[in-house]
C-alpha atoms as a PDB file:
ATOM      1  CA  MET A   1     129.641 116.894  95.876  1.00  0.00           C
ATOM      2  CA  ASP A   2     131.865 113.829  96.077  1.00  0.00           C
ATOM      3  CA  ASP A   3     130.631 110.397  95.075  1.00  0.00           C
ATOM      4  CA  PHE A   4     129.233 108.195  97.815  1.00  0.00           C
ATOM      5  CA  THR A   5     130.753 104.851  98.841  1.00  0.00           C
ATOM      6  CA  LEU A   6     128.227 102.086  99.448  1.00  0.00           C
ATOM      7  CA  ASN A   7     129.284  99.436 101.974  1.00  0.00           C
ATOM      8  CA  ASN A   8     127.787  96.433 103.755  1.00  0.00           C
ATOM      9  CA  ASN A   9     126.952  98.421 106.884  1.00  0.00           C
ATOM     10  CA  ILE A  10     124.957 100.971 104.889  1.00  0.00           C
ATOM     11  CA  ILE A  11     123.165  98.205 102.962  1.00  0.00           C
ATOM     12  CA  THR A  12     122.194  96.529 106.246  1.00  0.00           C
ATOM     13  CA  GLN A  13     120.882  99.848 107.549  1.00  0.00           C
ATOM     14  CA  LEU A  14     118.905 100.461 104.342  1.00  0.00           C
ATOM     15  CA  LEU A  15     117.219  97.070 104.533  1.00  0.00           C
ATOM     16  CA  SER A  16     116.353  97.736 108.159  1.00  0.00           C
ATOM     17  CA  ILE A  17     114.931 101.204 107.480  1.00  0.00           C
ATOM     18  CA  ALA A  18     112.851  99.896 104.560  1.00  0.00           C
ATOM     19  CA  ARG A  19     111.358  97.303 106.884  1.00  0.00           C
ATOM     20  CA  LEU A  20     110.670  99.933 109.574  1.00  0.00           C
ATOM     21  CA  ALA A  21     108.980 102.136 106.971  1.00  0.00           C
ATOM     22  CA  GLY A  22     106.892  99.113 106.006  1.00  0.00           C
ATOM     23  CA  GLU A  23     105.816  98.716 109.630  1.00  0.00           C
ATOM     24  CA  GLU A  24     104.674 102.340 109.678  1.00  0.00           C
ATOM     25  CA  ILE A  25     102.677 101.735 106.509  1.00  0.00           C
ATOM     26  CA  LEU A  26     101.005  98.626 107.958  1.00  0.00           C
ATOM     27  CA  LYS A  27      99.924 100.528 111.068  1.00  0.00           C
ATOM     28  CA  VAL A  28      97.850 102.794 108.837  1.00  0.00           C
ATOM     29  CA  TYR A  29      96.820  99.965 106.474  1.00  0.00           C
ATOM     30  CA  ASN A  30      95.316  98.072 109.415  1.00  0.00           C
ATOM     31  CA  SER A  31      93.548 101.129 110.824  1.00  0.00           C
ATOM     32  CA  ASP A  32      90.233 102.738 109.952  1.00  0.00           C
ATOM     33  CA  ASP A  33      91.688 106.126 109.007  1.00  0.00           C
ATOM     34  CA  TYR A  34      93.972 106.464 105.971  1.00  0.00           C
ATOM     35  CA  GLY A  35      93.799 110.265 106.072  1.00  0.00           C
ATOM     36  CA  VAL A  36      93.538 110.439 102.269  1.00  0.00           C
ATOM     37  CA  GLU A  37      94.382 113.810 100.731  1.00  0.00           C
ATOM     38  CA  HIS A  38      95.027 114.784  97.112  1.00  0.00           C
ATOM     39  CA  LYS A  39      98.089 116.578  95.781  1.00  0.00           C
ATOM     40  CA  THR A  40      98.026 119.263  93.085  1.00  0.00           C
ATOM     41  CA  ASP A  41      98.243 116.588  90.354  1.00  0.00           C
ATOM     42  CA  ASP A  42      95.223 114.839  91.966  1.00  0.00           C
ATOM     43  CA  SER A  43      97.331 111.851  93.034  1.00  0.00           C
ATOM     44  CA  PRO A  44      96.425 110.502  96.496  1.00  0.00           C
ATOM     45  CA  LEU A  45      98.451 111.006  99.652  1.00  0.00           C
ATOM     46  CA  THR A  46      97.830 109.131 102.915  1.00  0.00           C
ATOM     47  CA  LYS A  47      99.046 109.105 106.489  1.00  0.00           C
ATOM     48  CA  ALA A  48     101.122 106.064 105.513  1.00  0.00           C
ATOM     49  CA  ASP A  49     103.055 107.988 102.822  1.00  0.00           C
ATOM     50  CA  LYS A  50     103.980 110.641 105.381  1.00  0.00           C
ATOM     51  CA  ALA A  51     104.881 108.213 108.171  1.00  0.00           C
ATOM     52  CA  ALA A  52     107.099 106.108 105.890  1.00  0.00           C
ATOM     53  CA  HIS A  53     108.794 109.241 104.526  1.00  0.00           C
ATOM     54  CA  ASN A  54     109.602 110.487 108.016  1.00  0.00           C
ATOM     55  CA  LYS A  55     111.008 107.126 109.101  1.00  0.00           C
ATOM     56  CA  ILE A  56     113.252 106.813 106.029  1.00  0.00           C
ATOM     57  CA  MET A  57     114.511 110.393 106.322  1.00  0.00           C
ATOM     58  CA  GLU A  58     115.586 109.759 109.938  1.00  0.00           C
ATOM     59  CA  TYR A  59     118.344 107.515 108.565  1.00  0.00           C
ATOM     60  CA  LEU A  60     119.123 108.955 105.148  1.00  0.00           C
ATOM     61  CA  SER A  61     119.642 112.433 106.586  1.00  0.00           C
ATOM     62  CA  ILE A  62     122.782 111.205 108.393  1.00  0.00           C
ATOM     63  CA  THR A  63     124.418 109.457 105.401  1.00  0.00           C
ATOM     64  CA  GLY A  64     126.066 112.617 104.105  1.00  0.00           C
ATOM     65  CA  ILE A  65     124.379 112.768 100.703  1.00  0.00           C
ATOM     66  CA  PRO A  66     121.079 114.432  99.747  1.00  0.00           C
ATOM     67  CA  THR A  67     117.708 112.760  99.342  1.00  0.00           C
ATOM     68  CA  LEU A  68     114.997 113.333  96.760  1.00  0.00           C
ATOM     69  CA  SER A  69     111.719 111.858  98.022  1.00  0.00           C
ATOM     70  CA  GLU A  70     108.265 111.993  96.492  1.00  0.00           C
ATOM     71  CA  GLU A  71     107.003 113.494  99.738  1.00  0.00           C
ATOM     72  CA  GLY A  72     109.754 116.136  99.805  1.00  0.00           C
ATOM     73  CA  ALA A  73     110.348 116.793  96.129  1.00  0.00           C
ATOM     74  CA  ALA A  74     110.364 120.604  96.153  1.00  0.00           C
ATOM     75  CA  ILE A  75     114.103 120.864  95.490  1.00  0.00           C
ATOM     76  CA  SER A  76     115.192 123.132  92.646  1.00  0.00           C
ATOM     77  CA  TYR A  77     117.024 121.730  89.641  1.00  0.00           C
ATOM     78  CA  GLU A  78     119.727 124.349  90.218  1.00  0.00           C
ATOM     79  CA  GLU A  79     120.494 122.567  93.491  1.00  0.00           C
ATOM     80  CA  ARG A  80     119.911 119.003  92.264  1.00  0.00           C
ATOM     81  CA  LYS A  81     122.142 119.277  89.198  1.00  0.00           C
ATOM     82  CA  GLN A  82     125.153 119.629  91.508  1.00  0.00           C
ATOM     83  CA  TRP A  83     124.531 116.166  92.958  1.00  0.00           C
ATOM     84  CA  ASN A  84     126.806 113.319  91.852  1.00  0.00           C
ATOM     85  CA  SER A  85     125.206 110.907  94.323  1.00  0.00           C
ATOM     86  CA  TYR A  86     121.852 111.009  96.090  1.00  0.00           C
ATOM     87  CA  TRP A  87     119.031 108.883  97.468  1.00  0.00           C
ATOM     88  CA  LEU A  88     115.834 108.655  95.434  1.00  0.00           C
ATOM     89  CA  VAL A  89     112.866 107.563  97.547  1.00  0.00           C
ATOM     90  CA  ASP A  90     109.227 106.649  97.132  1.00  0.00           C
ATOM     91  CA  PRO A  91     108.112 105.938 100.714  1.00  0.00           C
ATOM     92  CA  LEU A  92     104.890 104.294  99.525  1.00  0.00           C
ATOM     93  CA  ASP A  93     104.830 103.277  95.876  1.00  0.00           C
ATOM     94  CA  GLY A  94     101.363 102.186  94.820  1.00  0.00           C
ATOM     95  CA  THR A  95      99.246 104.473  96.986  1.00  0.00           C
ATOM     96  CA  LYS A  96      96.203 103.673  94.834  1.00  0.00           C
ATOM     97  CA  GLU A  97      96.754  99.968  95.479  1.00  0.00           C
ATOM     98  CA  PHE A  98      97.174 100.749  99.196  1.00  0.00           C
ATOM     99  CA  ILE A  99      93.804 102.552  99.250  1.00  0.00           C
ATOM    100  CA  LYS A 100      92.205  99.650  97.350  1.00  0.00           C
ATOM    101  CA  ARG A 101      93.644  97.309 100.018  1.00  0.00           C
ATOM    102  CA  ASN A 102      95.020  94.799  97.511  1.00  0.00           C
ATOM    103  CA  GLY A 103      98.462  94.690  99.138  1.00  0.00           C
ATOM    104  CA  GLU A 104     100.410  95.572  95.983  1.00  0.00           C
ATOM    105  CA  PHE A 105     102.480  98.462  97.310  1.00  0.00           C
ATOM    106  CA  THR A 106     106.155  98.862  98.165  1.00  0.00           C
ATOM    107  CA  VAL A 107     108.818 100.961  99.845  1.00  0.00           C
ATOM    108  CA  ASN A 108     111.410 102.123  97.280  1.00  0.00           C
ATOM    109  CA  ILE A 109     114.910 103.438  98.075  1.00  0.00           C
ATOM    110  CA  ALA A 110     117.494 103.936  95.302  1.00  0.00           C
ATOM    111  CA  LEU A 111     121.053 105.216  95.130  1.00  0.00           C
ATOM    112  CA  ILE A 112     121.589 107.324  92.002  1.00  0.00           C
ATOM    113  CA  GLU A 113     125.092 108.113  90.799  1.00  0.00           C
ATOM    114  CA  ASN A 114     125.787 110.342  87.815  1.00  0.00           C
ATOM    115  CA  GLU A 115     122.172 110.043  86.595  1.00  0.00           C
ATOM    116  CA  LEU A 116     122.104 106.224  86.769  1.00  0.00           C
ATOM    117  CA  PRO A 117     120.476 103.958  89.400  1.00  0.00           C
ATOM    118  CA  VAL A 118     123.254 101.781  90.846  1.00  0.00           C
ATOM    119  CA  PHE A 119     121.559 100.280  93.906  1.00  0.00           C
ATOM    120  CA  GLY A 120     117.973  99.781  94.978  1.00  0.00           C
ATOM    121  CA  VAL A 121     115.790  98.390  97.745  1.00  0.00           C
ATOM    122  CA  VAL A 122     112.164  97.407  97.085  1.00  0.00           C
ATOM    123  CA  PHE A 123     110.251  96.108 100.099  1.00  0.00           C
ATOM    124  CA  SER A 124     106.732  94.660 100.015  1.00  0.00           C
ATOM    125  CA  PRO A 125     105.258  94.896 103.548  1.00  0.00           C
ATOM    126  CA  ILE A 126     102.309  92.612 102.777  1.00  0.00           C
ATOM    127  CA  LEU A 127     104.386  89.887 101.106  1.00  0.00           C
ATOM    128  CA  ASP A 128     107.256  90.480 103.565  1.00  0.00           C
ATOM    129  CA  LYS A 129     109.691  90.282 100.640  1.00  0.00           C
ATOM    130  CA  MET A 130     112.783  92.450 100.312  1.00  0.00           C
ATOM    131  CA  TYR A 131     114.459  92.871  96.930  1.00  0.00           C
ATOM    132  CA  TYR A 132     117.811  94.628  96.736  1.00  0.00           C
ATOM    133  CA  GLY A 133     120.903  94.974  94.572  1.00  0.00           C
ATOM    134  CA  GLY A 134     122.226  96.663  91.482  1.00  0.00           C
ATOM    135  CA  THR A 135     125.322  97.284  89.396  1.00  0.00           C
ATOM    136  CA  ALA A 136     127.094  98.711  92.468  1.00  0.00           C
ATOM    137  CA  LEU A 137     127.075  95.166  93.872  1.00  0.00           C
ATOM    138  CA  GLY A 138     127.163  93.202  90.631  1.00  0.00           C
ATOM    139  CA  TYR A 139     124.150  91.157  91.704  1.00  0.00           C
ATOM    140  CA  SER A 140     120.601  91.411  93.020  1.00  0.00           C
ATOM    141  CA  LYS A 141     118.952  89.357  95.771  1.00  0.00           C
ATOM    142  CA  ILE A 142     115.629  88.709  97.425  1.00  0.00           C
ATOM    143  CA  VAL A 143     115.115  88.150 101.153  1.00  0.00           C
ATOM    144  CA  THR A 144     112.049  85.968 101.601  1.00  0.00           C
ATOM    145  CA  ASN A 145     109.821  85.886 104.662  1.00  0.00           C
ATOM    146  CA  ASN A 146     111.834  83.004 106.152  1.00  0.00           C
ATOM    147  CA  GLY A 147     114.838  85.334 106.361  1.00  0.00           C
ATOM    148  CA  ASN A 148     116.934  83.654 103.655  1.00  0.00           C
ATOM    149  CA  ASP A 149     118.885  85.579 101.003  1.00  0.00           C
ATOM    150  CA  GLU A 150     118.325  84.170  97.519  1.00  0.00           C
ATOM    151  CA  LEU A 151     120.447  85.313  94.592  1.00  0.00           C
ATOM    152  CA  LEU A 152     118.222  86.326  91.690  1.00  0.00           C
ATOM    153  CA  MET A 153     119.172  84.872  88.326  1.00  0.00           C
ATOM    154  CA  ALA A 154     121.027  87.322  86.092  1.00  0.00           C
ATOM    155  CA  ASN A 155     120.723  87.160  82.322  1.00  0.00           C
ATOM    156  CA  SER A 156     123.829  85.477  80.954  1.00  0.00           C
ATOM    157  CA  LYS A 157     123.173  86.725  77.430  1.00  0.00           C
ATOM    158  CA  THR A 158     121.615  89.800  75.901  1.00  0.00           C
ATOM    159  CA  GLU A 159     118.480  89.019  73.910  1.00  0.00           C
ATOM    160  CA  SER A 160     117.047  91.561  71.498  1.00  0.00           C
ATOM    161  CA  LEU A 161     113.538  92.806  72.149  1.00  0.00           C
ATOM    162  CA  GLU A 162     112.531  91.605  68.683  1.00  0.00           C
ATOM    163  CA  ALA A 163     113.670  88.058  69.478  1.00  0.00           C
ATOM    164  CA  LEU A 164     111.975  88.159  72.869  1.00  0.00           C
ATOM    165  CA  LEU A 165     108.641  89.244  71.429  1.00  0.00           C
ATOM    166  CA  THR A 166     108.578  86.365  68.919  1.00  0.00           C
ATOM    167  CA  LYS A 167     108.642  83.690  71.615  1.00  0.00           C
ATOM    168  CA  ASP A 168     105.776  81.203  71.569  1.00  0.00           C
ATOM    169  CA  THR A 169     104.394  82.797  74.732  1.00  0.00           C
ATOM    170  CA  VAL A 170     105.338  86.234  76.041  1.00  0.00           C
ATOM    171  CA  ALA A 171     104.429  87.004  79.651  1.00  0.00           C
ATOM    172  CA  VAL A 172     103.657  90.736  79.822  1.00  0.00           C
ATOM    173  CA  VAL A 173     103.433  92.684  83.067  1.00  0.00           C
ATOM    174  CA  ALA A 174     100.610  95.234  83.013  1.00  0.00           C
ATOM    175  CA  SER A 175      99.506  97.783  85.590  1.00  0.00           C
ATOM    176  CA  ARG A 176      96.260  97.286  87.470  1.00  0.00           C
ATOM    177  CA  SER A 177      95.584 101.027  87.640  1.00  0.00           C
ATOM    178  CA  HIS A 178      97.196 102.532  84.518  1.00  0.00           C
ATOM    179  CA  ARG A 179      96.265 100.360  81.519  1.00  0.00           C
ATOM    180  CA  ASN A 180      95.722 102.426  78.345  1.00  0.00           C
ATOM    181  CA  LYS A 181      95.262 102.055  74.580  1.00  0.00           C
ATOM    182  CA  GLU A 182      99.010 102.131  73.822  1.00  0.00           C
ATOM    183  CA  THR A 183      99.600  99.299  76.263  1.00  0.00           C
ATOM    184  CA  GLU A 184      96.665  97.290  74.903  1.00  0.00           C
ATOM    185  CA  ASP A 185      97.926  97.800  71.333  1.00  0.00           C
ATOM    186  CA  PHE A 186     101.395  96.559  72.315  1.00  0.00           C
ATOM    187  CA  ILE A 187      99.991  93.491  74.046  1.00  0.00           C
ATOM    188  CA  GLY A 188      97.687  92.832  71.098  1.00  0.00           C
ATOM    189  CA  SER A 189     100.650  92.886  68.683  1.00  0.00           C
ATOM    190  CA  LEU A 190     102.201  89.834  70.324  1.00  0.00           C
ATOM    191  CA  LYS A 191     101.627  86.423  68.789  1.00  0.00           C
ATOM    192  CA  ASN A 192     100.653  84.794  72.051  1.00  0.00           C
ATOM    193  CA  ASN A 193     100.598  86.838  75.224  1.00  0.00           C
ATOM    194  CA  LYS A 194     100.048  86.041  78.864  1.00  0.00           C
ATOM    195  CA  ILE A 195      99.087  88.962  81.111  1.00  0.00           C
ATOM    196  CA  VAL A 196     100.592  89.287  84.589  1.00  0.00           C
ATOM    197  CA  SER A 197      98.737  92.099  86.393  1.00  0.00           C
ATOM    198  CA  MET A 198     100.474  93.768  89.301  1.00  0.00           C
ATOM    199  CA  GLY A 199     100.737  97.122  91.063  1.00  0.00           C
ATOM    200  CA  SER A 200     103.665  99.364  92.103  1.00  0.00           C
ATOM    201  CA  SER A 201     107.322  98.345  91.658  1.00  0.00           C
ATOM    202  CA  LEU A 202     106.265  94.717  92.024  1.00  0.00           C
ATOM    203  CA  LYS A 203     105.724  94.818  88.254  1.00  0.00           C
ATOM    204  CA  PHE A 204     109.490  95.117  87.775  1.00  0.00           C
ATOM    205  CA  MET A 205     110.037  92.386  90.341  1.00  0.00           C
ATOM    206  CA  MET A 206     107.988  89.972  88.246  1.00  0.00           C
ATOM    207  CA  LEU A 207     110.795  90.285  85.699  1.00  0.00           C
ATOM    208  CA  ALA A 208     113.480  89.978  88.378  1.00  0.00           C
ATOM    209  CA  GLU A 209     111.946  86.719  89.612  1.00  0.00           C
ATOM    210  CA  GLY A 210     111.602  85.328  86.075  1.00  0.00           C
ATOM    211  CA  LYS A 211     107.793  85.369  86.209  1.00  0.00           C
ATOM    212  CA  ALA A 212     107.427  87.673  83.194  1.00  0.00           C
ATOM    213  CA  HIS A 213     109.383  88.600  80.072  1.00  0.00           C
ATOM    214  CA  VAL A 214     108.557  92.234  79.433  1.00  0.00           C
ATOM    215  CA  TYR A 215     107.031  95.274  81.128  1.00  0.00           C
ATOM    216  CA  PRO A 216     105.822  98.029  78.764  1.00  0.00           C
ATOM    217  CA  ARG A 217     104.974 101.310  80.467  1.00  0.00           C
ATOM    218  CA  PHE A 218     103.256 103.658  78.041  1.00  0.00           C
ATOM    219  CA  ALA A 219     101.846 105.893  80.776  1.00  0.00           C
ATOM    220  CA  PRO A 220     103.359 108.552  83.062  1.00  0.00           C
ATOM    221  CA  THR A 221     105.660 107.663  85.959  1.00  0.00           C
ATOM    222  CA  MET A 222     107.997 109.747  88.072  1.00  0.00           C
ATOM    223  CA  GLU A 223     111.661 109.014  88.716  1.00  0.00           C
ATOM    224  CA  TRP A 224     110.992 107.870  92.317  1.00  0.00           C
ATOM    225  CA  ASP A 225     108.473 105.326  90.977  1.00  0.00           C
ATOM    226  CA  THR A 226     111.160 103.464  89.044  1.00  0.00           C
ATOM    227  CA  GLY A 227     114.652 104.178  90.420  1.00  0.00           C
ATOM    228  CA  ALA A 228     114.978 101.372  92.983  1.00  0.00           C
ATOM    229  CA  ALA A 229     113.452  98.652  90.810  1.00  0.00           C
ATOM    230  CA  ASP A 230     115.407  99.886  87.771  1.00  0.00           C
ATOM    231  CA  ALA A 231     118.654  99.504  89.754  1.00  0.00           C
ATOM    232  CA  ILE A 232     117.753  95.950  90.793  1.00  0.00           C
ATOM    233  CA  LEU A 233     116.992  94.966  87.203  1.00  0.00           C
ATOM    234  CA  ARG A 234     120.210  96.516  85.890  1.00  0.00           C
ATOM    235  CA  GLY A 235     122.047  94.354  88.408  1.00  0.00           C
ATOM    236  CA  LEU A 236     120.488  91.378  86.603  1.00  0.00           C
ATOM    237  CA  ASN A 237     121.475  92.621  83.123  1.00  0.00           C
ATOM    238  CA  TYR A 238     117.921  93.659  82.249  1.00  0.00           C
ATOM    239  CA  LYS A 239     117.276  96.713  80.124  1.00  0.00           C
ATOM    240  CA  VAL A 240     114.937  99.619  80.867  1.00  0.00           C
ATOM    241  CA  LEU A 241     114.809 101.585  77.612  1.00  0.00           C
ATOM    242  CA  GLN A 242     113.059 104.805  76.699  1.00  0.00           C
ATOM    243  CA  VAL A 243     110.078 104.658  74.342  1.00  0.00           C
ATOM    244  CA  GLN A 244     109.437 107.506  71.891  1.00  0.00           C
ATOM    245  CA  LYS A 245     106.091 109.264  71.578  1.00  0.00           C
ATOM    246  CA  ASP A 246     105.317 107.154  68.502  1.00  0.00           C
ATOM    247  CA  CYS A 247     105.920 104.057  70.698  1.00  0.00           C
ATOM    248  CA  SER A 248     109.162 103.155  68.906  1.00  0.00           C
ATOM    249  CA  ILE A 249     111.872 101.766  71.186  1.00  0.00           C
ATOM    250  CA  SER A 250     114.974 103.866  71.794  1.00  0.00           C
ATOM    251  CA  THR A 251     118.427 102.473  72.617  1.00  0.00           C
ATOM    252  CA  LYS A 252     118.721 104.978  75.473  1.00  0.00           C
ATOM    253  CA  PRO A 253     118.160 103.788  79.041  1.00  0.00           C
ATOM    254  CA  VAL A 254     115.925 105.763  81.381  1.00  0.00           C
ATOM    255  CA  SER A 255     118.029 108.448  83.108  1.00  0.00           C
ATOM    256  CA  TYR A 256     117.613 110.230  86.430  1.00  0.00           C
ATOM    257  CA  ASN A 257     117.892 113.672  88.035  1.00  0.00           C
ATOM    258  CA  LYS A 258     116.446 115.364  84.979  1.00  0.00           C
ATOM    259  CA  GLU A 259     115.145 118.920  85.224  1.00  0.00           C
ATOM    260  CA  ASN A 260     111.664 117.468  84.696  1.00  0.00           C
ATOM    261  CA  LEU A 261     111.329 114.451  87.004  1.00  0.00           C
ATOM    262  CA  LEU A 262     108.663 112.871  84.791  1.00  0.00           C
ATOM    263  CA  ASN A 263     109.955 109.683  83.153  1.00  0.00           C
ATOM    264  CA  PRO A 264     109.594 109.023  79.444  1.00  0.00           C
ATOM    265  CA  PHE A 265     107.533 105.992  78.475  1.00  0.00           C
ATOM    266  CA  PHE A 266     109.730 102.912  78.749  1.00  0.00           C
ATOM    267  CA  ILE A 267     109.934  99.196  78.210  1.00  0.00           C
ATOM    268  CA  SER A 268     111.782  96.777  80.479  1.00  0.00           C
ATOM    269  CA  PHE A 269     112.918  93.334  79.355  1.00  0.00           C
END
């Protein structure tokens, strides 16, 4: 399959469809019936996940390239490995946060090319904030609730993780729902840490907005959980590196369209 050409018209459409998916999610969020089910891995699924998926697929199905969505992931690797370009979608990232009604959930849409995330959209319906960008554009932006585009600040220099972690104060993003011993050990190893708790892809966006320095994820995630936010961070010259089972940091970035869609542990900084 040929590579896909991203253009301003498609970007405008993607931002619009992310917002429409967010509206579908809020209809359920503000109702009395979430229709909570559980998938085979015991993760929750709601009416909002399904409604957002359907709305997003209405548009992506006409773009000419395939889509891999959390709510339609039963596509064989034999088929997927032929894809040079495809959409990677999590219609409702942070379903647990949605059910808890804390507002920390997002709509995630990423463009993956040759196993790398090159463009992403992360929309927070509750905050009414739209993050988008990536290496395909050479920048990343945020659209705030007053409708203004604000260019996010890219890193002008590459700082080693070792240097970063020796700062006087290190702001660490940690999950509200997936904190574990490995994460606590990492945080405890820092000289002076400040915890920024957040759910869904908004954890990555704390880095993008300069509100945190590092996001260690020593717990399972799937490719659709990270693709869009990963693309936005790469557009800002941030790194999202694989972490080995012994918690040592690899020099390899997280890759996509693997046979097993489970991500390795990673650290973003």
